């Protein structure tokens, strides 16, 4: 299992956090943590497709870049 850290743009409220978390979980992310203050999301992935997560976030208006992948 890999830990993924994303830099997420466009988040401004708790509703944004919920949308980002749901999008990542829907695409296979586990133990998702989203920080509005840091503008980051981190989660674990085993079988999901990271590109699908990035596309989903982009479609919601939260463009994201991979900051780090561990494992």
Protein backbone atom coordinates (compact mmCIF):
# COMPACT_ATOMS: atom_id res chain seq x y z
CA UNK A 1 0.00 0.00 0.00
CA UNK A 2 1.27 3.47 -0.92
CA UNK A 3 0.76 6.75 0.91
CA UNK A 4 -0.01 9.62 -1.45
CA UNK A 5 0.21 13.32 -0.61
CA UNK A 6 -1.48 15.78 -2.94
CA UNK A 7 -1.29 19.57 -3.08
CA UNK A 8 -4.90 20.60 -3.73
CA UNK A 9 -5.87 24.04 -5.03
CA UNK A 10 -9.20 25.83 -4.71
CA UNK A 11 -10.37 24.64 -1.29
CA UNK A 12 -11.88 27.38 0.84
CA UNK A 13 -14.35 25.79 3.28
CA UNK A 14 -15.44 22.65 5.10
CA UNK A 15 -17.71 21.76 2.18
CA UNK A 16 -14.65 21.69 -0.09
CA UNK A 17 -12.92 19.31 2.30
CA UNK A 18 -15.91 16.96 2.22
CA UNK A 19 -16.06 16.98 -1.59
CA UNK A 20 -12.33 16.30 -1.93
CA UNK A 21 -12.49 13.48 0.64
CA UNK A 22 -15.47 11.82 -1.07
CA UNK A 23 -13.87 12.04 -4.52
CA UNK A 24 -10.67 10.39 -3.27
CA UNK A 25 -12.57 7.67 -1.40
CA UNK A 26 -14.75 6.96 -4.45
CA UNK A 27 -11.63 6.25 -6.51
CA UNK A 28 -10.07 3.90 -3.95
CA UNK A 29 -8.31 6.16 -1.46
CA UNK A 30 -8.34 4.99 2.17
CA UNK A 31 -7.79 6.82 5.46
CA UNK A 32 -8.19 10.16 3.67
CA UNK A 33 -7.11 13.29 5.53
CA UNK A 34 -7.67 16.73 4.01
CA UNK A 35 -6.14 19.91 5.42
CA UNK A 36 -7.67 23.21 4.38
CA UNK A 37 -4.86 25.18 6.07
CA UNK A 38 -2.09 23.30 4.25
CA UNK A 39 -4.04 22.80 1.04
CA UNK A 40 -3.17 19.11 1.09
CA UNK A 41 -4.80 15.72 1.03
CA UNK A 42 -3.09 12.52 2.08
CA UNK A 43 -4.37 8.99 1.82
CA UNK A 44 -3.41 5.39 1.24
CA UNK A 45 -3.95 3.51 -2.03
CA UNK A 46 -3.64 -0.12 -2.93
CA UNK A 47 -5.54 -0.80 -6.13
CA UNK A 48 -6.91 2.60 -7.10
CA UNK A 49 -5.81 4.70 -10.07
CA UNK A 50 -4.14 7.94 -9.04
CA UNK A 51 -4.84 9.54 -12.43
CA UNK A 52 -8.58 8.94 -11.89
CA UNK A 53 -8.35 10.74 -8.55
CA UNK A 54 -6.56 13.70 -10.12
CA UNK A 55 -9.15 13.87 -12.93
CA UNK A 56 -12.06 13.67 -10.47
CA UNK A 57 -10.65 16.50 -8.36
CA UNK A 58 -10.04 18.61 -11.48
CA UNK A 59 -13.64 18.08 -12.61
CA UNK A 60 -14.86 19.26 -9.20
CA UNK A 61 -12.77 22.42 -9.48
CA UNK A 62 -9.91 21.34 -7.19
CA UNK A 63 -6.83 20.84 -9.38
CA UNK A 64 -4.22 18.76 -7.59
CA UNK A 65 -0.58 17.86 -8.03
CA UNK A 66 1.25 14.90 -6.53
CA UNK A 67 3.57 16.16 -3.83
CA UNK A 68 4.87 12.80 -2.66
CA UNK A 69 4.31 9.06 -2.95
CA UNK A 70 5.68 6.87 -0.17
CA UNK A 71 6.00 3.13 -0.55
